[in-house]
C-alpha atoms as a PDB file:
ATOM      1  CA  MET A   1      -6.864  10.745   2.882  1.00  0.00           C
ATOM      2  CA  SER A   2      -9.987  12.461   4.092  1.00  0.00           C
ATOM      3  CA  THR A   3     -12.522  11.898   6.840  1.00  0.00           C
ATOM      4  CA  GLY A   4     -14.871  10.786   4.091  1.00  0.00           C
ATOM      5  CA  ASP A   5     -12.441   8.039   3.090  1.00  0.00           C
ATOM      6  CA  ALA A   6     -12.289   6.826   6.684  1.00  0.00           C
ATOM      7  CA  ARG A   7     -16.085   6.577   6.772  1.00  0.00           C
ATOM      8  CA  VAL A   8     -16.081   4.539   3.562  1.00  0.00           C
ATOM      9  CA  TYR A   9     -13.582   2.044   4.955  1.00  0.00           C
ATOM     10  CA  ASP A  10     -15.314   1.908   8.341  1.00  0.00           C
ATOM     11  CA  ARG A  11     -18.495   0.985   6.480  1.00  0.00           C
ATOM     12  CA  ILE A  12     -16.992  -1.743   4.312  1.00  0.00           C
ATOM     13  CA  ALA A  13     -14.642  -3.214   6.940  1.00  0.00           C
ATOM     14  CA  PRO A  14     -16.946  -6.183   7.797  1.00  0.00           C
ATOM     15  CA  VAL A  15     -17.115  -7.267   4.144  1.00  0.00           C
ATOM     16  CA  TYR A  16     -13.742  -6.043   2.894  1.00  0.00           C
ATOM     17  CA  ASP A  17     -12.095  -9.455   2.680  1.00  0.00           C
ATOM     18  CA  LEU A  18     -15.106 -10.818   0.815  1.00  0.00           C
ATOM     19  CA  MET A  19     -14.961  -7.902  -1.625  1.00  0.00           C
ATOM     20  CA  GLU A  20     -11.298  -8.617  -2.286  1.00  0.00           C
ATOM     21  CA  ALA A  21     -11.823 -12.357  -2.842  1.00  0.00           C
ATOM     22  CA  PRO A  22     -12.143 -12.174  -6.657  1.00  0.00           C
ATOM     23  CA  MET A  23      -8.766 -10.419  -6.930  1.00  0.00           C
ATOM     24  CA  GLU A  24      -7.262 -13.062  -4.648  1.00  0.00           C
ATOM     25  CA  TRP A  25      -8.529 -15.839  -6.921  1.00  0.00           C
ATOM     26  CA  PHE A  26      -6.879 -14.186  -9.933  1.00  0.00           C
ATOM     27  CA  GLY A  27      -3.388 -13.932  -8.523  1.00  0.00           C
ATOM     28  CA  GLY A  28      -3.761 -11.258  -5.870  1.00  0.00           C
ATOM     29  CA  ARG A  29      -2.372 -13.342  -3.028  1.00  0.00           C
ATOM     30  CA  ASP A  30       0.656 -14.382  -5.059  1.00  0.00           C
ATOM     31  CA  ARG A  31       1.366 -10.748  -5.916  1.00  0.00           C
ATOM     32  CA  ARG A  32       1.035  -9.718  -2.280  1.00  0.00           C
ATOM     33  CA  ALA A  33       3.276 -12.578  -1.199  1.00  0.00           C
ATOM     34  CA  ARG A  34       6.045 -11.485  -3.580  1.00  0.00           C
ATOM     35  CA  VAL A  35       5.884  -7.889  -2.384  1.00  0.00           C
ATOM     36  CA  ILE A  36       5.479  -8.542   1.340  1.00  0.00           C
ATOM     37  CA  GLY A  37       7.819 -11.520   1.469  1.00  0.00           C
ATOM     38  CA  GLY A  38      10.777  -9.288   0.638  1.00  0.00           C
ATOM     39  CA  ALA A  39      10.263  -6.983   3.619  1.00  0.00           C
ATOM     40  CA  HIS A  40      12.895  -6.996   6.335  1.00  0.00           C
ATOM     41  CA  GLY A  41      13.866  -5.363   9.601  1.00  0.00           C
ATOM     42  CA  ASP A  42      11.717  -2.594  11.045  1.00  0.00           C
ATOM     43  CA  VAL A  43       8.710  -2.464   8.709  1.00  0.00           C
ATOM     44  CA  LEU A  44       5.925   0.077   8.243  1.00  0.00           C
ATOM     45  CA  GLU A  45       2.839  -1.088   6.376  1.00  0.00           C
ATOM     46  CA  ILE A  46       0.731   1.740   4.988  1.00  0.00           C
ATOM     47  CA  GLY A  47      -2.964   0.882   4.862  1.00  0.00           C
ATOM     48  CA  VAL A  48      -2.734  -2.375   6.778  1.00  0.00           C
ATOM     49  CA  GLY A  49      -6.503  -2.768   6.506  1.00  0.00           C
ATOM     50  CA  THR A  50      -7.825  -6.030   7.948  1.00  0.00           C
ATOM     51  CA  GLY A  51      -4.285  -7.398   8.261  1.00  0.00           C
ATOM     52  CA  ARG A  52      -4.352  -9.731   5.272  1.00  0.00           C
ATOM     53  CA  ASN A  53      -0.616  -9.293   4.736  1.00  0.00           C
ATOM     54  CA  LEU A  54       0.445 -10.205   8.265  1.00  0.00           C
ATOM     55  CA  GLU A  55       0.851 -13.914   7.547  1.00  0.00           C
ATOM     56  CA  LEU A  56       3.081 -13.118   4.556  1.00  0.00           C
ATOM     57  CA  TYR A  57       5.840 -11.264   6.403  1.00  0.00           C
ATOM     58  CA  PRO A  58       9.089 -13.051   7.230  1.00  0.00           C
ATOM     59  CA  PRO A  59       9.182 -14.157  10.890  1.00  0.00           C
ATOM     60  CA  ASP A  60      11.879 -11.645  11.791  1.00  0.00           C
ATOM     61  CA  ALA A  61      10.024  -8.620  10.391  1.00  0.00           C
ATOM     62  CA  ASP A  62       8.989  -6.151  13.108  1.00  0.00           C
ATOM     63  CA  VAL A  63       5.791  -4.699  11.667  1.00  0.00           C
ATOM     64  CA  THR A  64       3.951  -1.465  12.441  1.00  0.00           C
ATOM     65  CA  GLY A  65       0.651  -1.088  10.578  1.00  0.00           C
ATOM     66  CA  ILE A  66      -1.315   2.105  10.041  1.00  0.00           C
ATOM     67  CA  ASP A  67      -4.759   2.722   8.611  1.00  0.00           C
ATOM     68  CA  ILE A  68      -7.259   5.575   8.563  1.00  0.00           C
ATOM     69  CA  SER A  69     -10.078   3.226   9.599  1.00  0.00           C
ATOM     70  CA  GLU A  70     -10.366   2.105  13.216  1.00  0.00           C
ATOM     71  CA  ARG A  71     -12.817  -0.616  12.205  1.00  0.00           C
ATOM     72  CA  MET A  72     -10.296  -2.026   9.768  1.00  0.00           C
ATOM     73  CA  LEU A  73      -7.685  -2.015  12.521  1.00  0.00           C
ATOM     74  CA  GLU A  74     -10.037  -3.848  14.870  1.00  0.00           C
ATOM     75  CA  ARG A  75     -10.144  -6.703  12.388  1.00  0.00           C
ATOM     76  CA  ALA A  76      -6.374  -6.544  11.887  1.00  0.00           C
ATOM     77  CA  ARG A  77      -5.835  -6.887  15.648  1.00  0.00           C
ATOM     78  CA  ARG A  78      -8.039  -9.973  15.765  1.00  0.00           C
ATOM     79  CA  ARG A  79      -6.184 -11.507  12.833  1.00  0.00           C
ATOM     80  CA  ALA A  80      -2.809 -10.770  14.426  1.00  0.00           C
ATOM     81  CA  SER A  81      -3.970 -12.510  17.597  1.00  0.00           C
ATOM     82  CA  ARG A  82      -4.957 -15.628  15.653  1.00  0.00           C
ATOM     83  CA  LEU A  83      -1.568 -15.611  13.919  1.00  0.00           C
ATOM     84  CA  GLU A  84       0.206 -15.107  17.240  1.00  0.00           C
ATOM     85  CA  ARG A  85       1.961 -12.034  15.893  1.00  0.00           C
ATOM     86  CA  SER A  86       2.313  -8.767  17.764  1.00  0.00           C
ATOM     87  CA  PRO A  87       2.588  -5.883  15.316  1.00  0.00           C
ATOM     88  CA  GLY A  88       1.930  -2.332  16.415  1.00  0.00           C
ATOM     89  CA  PHE A  89      -1.237  -0.699  15.053  1.00  0.00           C
ATOM     90  CA  ARG A  90      -2.338   2.916  14.994  1.00  0.00           C
ATOM     91  CA  VAL A  91      -4.773   5.173  13.187  1.00  0.00           C
ATOM     92  CA  ALA A  92      -2.780   7.426  10.876  1.00  0.00           C
ATOM     93  CA  ASP A  93      -2.915   9.085   7.471  1.00  0.00           C
ATOM     94  CA  ALA A  94      -0.434   8.186   4.731  1.00  0.00           C
ATOM     95  CA  GLU A  95      -0.072  11.867   3.860  1.00  0.00           C
ATOM     96  CA  SER A  96       1.055  12.817   7.376  1.00  0.00           C
ATOM     97  CA  LEU A  97       2.930   9.926   8.971  1.00  0.00           C
ATOM     98  CA  PRO A  98       3.488  10.231  12.747  1.00  0.00           C
ATOM     99  CA  PHE A  99       7.058   8.907  12.639  1.00  0.00           C
ATOM    100  CA  GLU A 100      10.492  10.467  12.691  1.00  0.00           C
ATOM    101  CA  ASP A 101      12.731  10.706   9.628  1.00  0.00           C
ATOM    102  CA  ASP A 102      14.747   7.660   8.527  1.00  0.00           C
ATOM    103  CA  ARG A 103      12.826   5.344  10.858  1.00  0.00           C
ATOM    104  CA  PHE A 104      12.078   2.166   8.879  1.00  0.00           C
ATOM    105  CA  ASP A 105      14.108  -0.419   6.991  1.00  0.00           C
ATOM    106  CA  THR A 106      11.151  -1.288   4.760  1.00  0.00           C
ATOM    107  CA  VAL A 107       7.862   0.404   3.919  1.00  0.00           C
ATOM    108  CA  THR A 108       5.134  -1.653   2.266  1.00  0.00           C
ATOM    109  CA  ALA A 109       1.738  -0.921   0.774  1.00  0.00           C
ATOM    110  CA  THR A 110      -0.603  -3.123  -1.250  1.00  0.00           C
ATOM    111  CA  CYS A 111      -3.458  -1.530  -3.181  1.00  0.00           C
ATOM    112  CA  VAL A 112      -3.308   1.635  -1.071  1.00  0.00           C
ATOM    113  CA  PHE A 113      -2.144   4.476  -3.287  1.00  0.00           C
ATOM    114  CA  CYS A 114      -5.255   4.146  -5.415  1.00  0.00           C
ATOM    115  CA  SER A 115      -7.093   5.666  -2.419  1.00  0.00           C
ATOM    116  CA  VAL A 116      -4.695   8.283  -1.029  1.00  0.00           C
ATOM    117  CA  ASP A 117      -5.997  11.755  -1.909  1.00  0.00           C
ATOM    118  CA  ASP A 118      -2.543  13.059  -2.857  1.00  0.00           C
ATOM    119  CA  PRO A 119      -0.466   9.997  -3.779  1.00  0.00           C
ATOM    120  CA  VAL A 120       2.724  11.969  -4.403  1.00  0.00           C
ATOM    121  CA  ARG A 121       2.459  13.551  -0.963  1.00  0.00           C
ATOM    122  CA  GLY A 122       1.935  10.112   0.595  1.00  0.00           C
ATOM    123  CA  LEU A 123       4.940   8.714  -1.240  1.00  0.00           C
ATOM    124  CA  GLU A 124       7.020  11.710  -0.174  1.00  0.00           C
ATOM    125  CA  GLU A 125       6.128  10.834   3.411  1.00  0.00           C
ATOM    126  CA  ILE A 126       7.319   7.292   2.783  1.00  0.00           C
ATOM    127  CA  ARG A 127      10.527   8.729   1.358  1.00  0.00           C
ATOM    128  CA  ARG A 128      10.944  10.709   4.583  1.00  0.00           C
ATOM    129  CA  VAL A 129      10.440   7.852   7.045  1.00  0.00           C
ATOM    130  CA  VAL A 130      12.356   5.101   5.212  1.00  0.00           C
ATOM    131  CA  LYS A 131      16.071   4.862   5.926  1.00  0.00           C
ATOM    132  CA  PRO A 132      18.443   6.186   3.245  1.00  0.00           C
ATOM    133  CA  ASP A 133      19.422   2.600   2.412  1.00  0.00           C
ATOM    134  CA  GLY A 134      15.914   1.265   3.028  1.00  0.00           C
ATOM    135  CA  GLU A 135      13.405  -0.211   0.602  1.00  0.00           C
ATOM    136  CA  VAL A 136       9.858   0.617  -0.482  1.00  0.00           C
ATOM    137  CA  ARG A 137       7.748  -2.302  -1.716  1.00  0.00           C
ATOM    138  CA  LEU A 138       4.414  -1.594  -3.418  1.00  0.00           C
ATOM    139  CA  LEU A 139       1.638  -3.511  -5.132  1.00  0.00           C
ATOM    140  CA  GLU A 140      -0.743  -1.264  -7.050  1.00  0.00           C
ATOM    141  CA  HIS A 141      -3.198  -1.354  -9.918  1.00  0.00           C
ATOM    142  CA  VAL A 142      -2.812   1.442 -12.460  1.00  0.00           C
ATOM    143  CA  ARG A 143      -4.522   3.058 -15.404  1.00  0.00           C
ATOM    144  CA  PRO A 144      -4.475   0.706 -18.405  1.00  0.00           C
ATOM    145  CA  ARG A 145      -2.088   1.619 -21.202  1.00  0.00           C
ATOM    146  CA  ASN A 146      -4.724   0.740 -23.803  1.00  0.00           C
ATOM    147  CA  PRO A 147      -6.287   4.103 -24.817  1.00  0.00           C
ATOM    148  CA  VAL A 148      -9.861   2.800 -24.886  1.00  0.00           C
ATOM    149  CA  LEU A 149      -9.583   1.008 -21.541  1.00  0.00           C
ATOM    150  CA  GLY A 150      -7.785   4.028 -20.085  1.00  0.00           C
ATOM    151  CA  LYS A 151     -10.723   6.285 -20.982  1.00  0.00           C
ATOM    152  CA  LEU A 152     -13.158   3.727 -19.562  1.00  0.00           C
ATOM    153  CA  PHE A 153     -11.263   3.637 -16.278  1.00  0.00           C
ATOM    154  CA  ASP A 154     -11.262   7.449 -16.204  1.00  0.00           C
ATOM    155  CA  TRP A 155     -15.039   7.401 -16.615  1.00  0.00           C
ATOM    156  CA  LEU A 156     -15.591   4.779 -13.913  1.00  0.00           C
ATOM    157  CA  THR A 157     -13.215   6.267 -11.343  1.00  0.00           C
ATOM    158  CA  PRO A 158     -15.653   8.769  -9.740  1.00  0.00           C
ATOM    159  CA  LEU A 159     -18.049   5.887  -9.094  1.00  0.00           C
ATOM    160  CA  THR A 160     -15.462   3.547  -7.597  1.00  0.00           C
ATOM    161  CA  ARG A 161     -14.093   6.378  -5.476  1.00  0.00           C
ATOM    162  CA  ARG A 162     -17.491   7.179  -3.998  1.00  0.00           C
ATOM    163  CA  LEU A 163     -18.667   3.624  -3.383  1.00  0.00           C
ATOM    164  CA  MET A 164     -15.499   1.730  -2.435  1.00  0.00           C
ATOM    165  CA  GLY A 165     -12.645   4.226  -1.955  1.00  0.00           C
ATOM    166  CA  PRO A 166     -10.138   3.493  -4.742  1.00  0.00           C
ATOM    167  CA  GLU A 167      -9.442   5.363  -7.960  1.00  0.00           C
ATOM    168  CA  ILE A 168      -8.723   2.980 -10.812  1.00  0.00           C
ATOM    169  CA  ASN A 169      -6.825   5.333 -13.119  1.00  0.00           C
ATOM    170  CA  ARG A 170      -3.728   6.208 -11.082  1.00  0.00           C
ATOM    171  CA  ARG A 171      -0.269   6.456 -12.679  1.00  0.00           C
ATOM    172  CA  THR A 172       1.672   5.084  -9.745  1.00  0.00           C
ATOM    173  CA  GLU A 173       5.031   4.541 -11.431  1.00  0.00           C
ATOM    174  CA  GLU A 174       5.123   8.237 -12.325  1.00  0.00           C
ATOM    175  CA  HIS A 175       4.061   9.182  -8.803  1.00  0.00           C
ATOM    176  CA  VAL A 176       6.843   7.105  -7.252  1.00  0.00           C
ATOM    177  CA  ALA A 177       9.457   8.929  -9.323  1.00  0.00           C
ATOM    178  CA  ALA A 178       7.903  12.326  -8.583  1.00  0.00           C
ATOM    179  CA  ALA A 179       8.189  11.624  -4.840  1.00  0.00           C
ATOM    180  CA  GLY A 180      11.962  11.193  -4.943  1.00  0.00           C
ATOM    181  CA  LEU A 181      12.069   7.412  -5.094  1.00  0.00           C
ATOM    182  CA  ASP A 182      14.015   5.435  -7.677  1.00  0.00           C
ATOM    183  CA  ILE A 183      12.353   2.295  -9.013  1.00  0.00           C
ATOM    184  CA  VAL A 184      14.939  -0.477  -8.932  1.00  0.00           C
ATOM    185  CA  GLU A 185      12.592  -3.308  -9.886  1.00  0.00           C
ATOM    186  CA  VAL A 186       9.116  -3.462 -11.374  1.00  0.00           C
ATOM    187  CA  ARG A 187       6.986  -6.406 -12.420  1.00  0.00           C
ATOM    188  CA  ARG A 188       4.183  -5.488 -14.837  1.00  0.00           C
ATOM    189  CA  ASP A 189       1.182  -7.735 -15.422  1.00  0.00           C
ATOM    190  CA  GLY A 190      -1.746  -6.032 -17.127  1.00  0.00           C
ATOM    191  CA  ILE A 191      -2.905  -3.253 -14.799  1.00  0.00           C
ATOM    192  CA  TRP A 192      -0.793  -4.601 -11.909  1.00  0.00           C
ATOM    193  CA  ARG A 193       2.564  -3.254 -10.778  1.00  0.00           C
ATOM    194  CA  GLU A 194       4.869  -4.838  -8.199  1.00  0.00           C
ATOM    195  CA  ILE A 195       7.356  -2.075  -7.444  1.00  0.00           C
ATOM    196  CA  VAL A 196      10.564  -2.055  -5.443  1.00  0.00           C
ATOM    197  CA  ALA A 197      12.004   1.428  -4.931  1.00  0.00           C
ATOM    198  CA  LYS A 198      14.707   3.154  -2.914  1.00  0.00           C
ATOM    199  CA  PRO A 199      15.257   6.770  -1.938  1.00  0.00           C
ATOM    200  CA  SER A 200      16.849   8.732  -4.745  1.00  0.00           C
ATOM    201  CA  GLY A 201      20.587   9.090  -4.218  1.00  0.00           C
ATOM    202  CA  SER A 202      20.948   5.969  -2.071  1.00  0.00           C
ATOM    203  CA  SER A 203      23.986   3.837  -2.796  1.00  0.00           C
ATOM    204  CA  THR A 204      21.834   1.021  -4.200  1.00  0.00           C
ATOM    205  CA  ALA A 205      19.261   3.090  -6.113  1.00  0.00           C
ATOM    206  CA  GLY A 206      19.364   2.333  -9.776  1.00  0.00           C
ATOM    207  CA  ALA A 207      21.708  -0.606  -9.248  1.00  0.00           C
END
């Protein structure tokens, strides 16, 4: 991500949850709950934002959350305090994670890789920091398969990128594979993808 992206998310942090409310009403929370609820062990959340996922983690998950926006993290810290959870938070970029190799049991991200400048690079970083037998759990919206809608999303993407941060025409399933991750489970619902992946070559990949 870029400095410009950080400024966008700093600006919208106070109203971010309100902006996301329509997606929540139309199944967003249920999708997040399915993805986040399967996390276990030492967990890294990419793009933790305002901390909306914190209440969805299993009690025994030890969560570290990163985000490029300090103002987002301020809100996440307040939410964690209300929930009486104590995750670790730090400003960091998905494309250059400040963690050693093979560090985490689970890496999660919900609606993040629509905003990462180089999504394959970000997913390669996830591949690096997740344990060889670890799990990557993603919720993302993708470019519609319908040709007409796909072209419309291509046309709208520069506007959404400038005003709100995300690109709405990403091909995330392809990006996951290109980054050296094997998709072991995927739930498709319109433009939504709930993806479970493992590092390529792991004993459970492709099982």
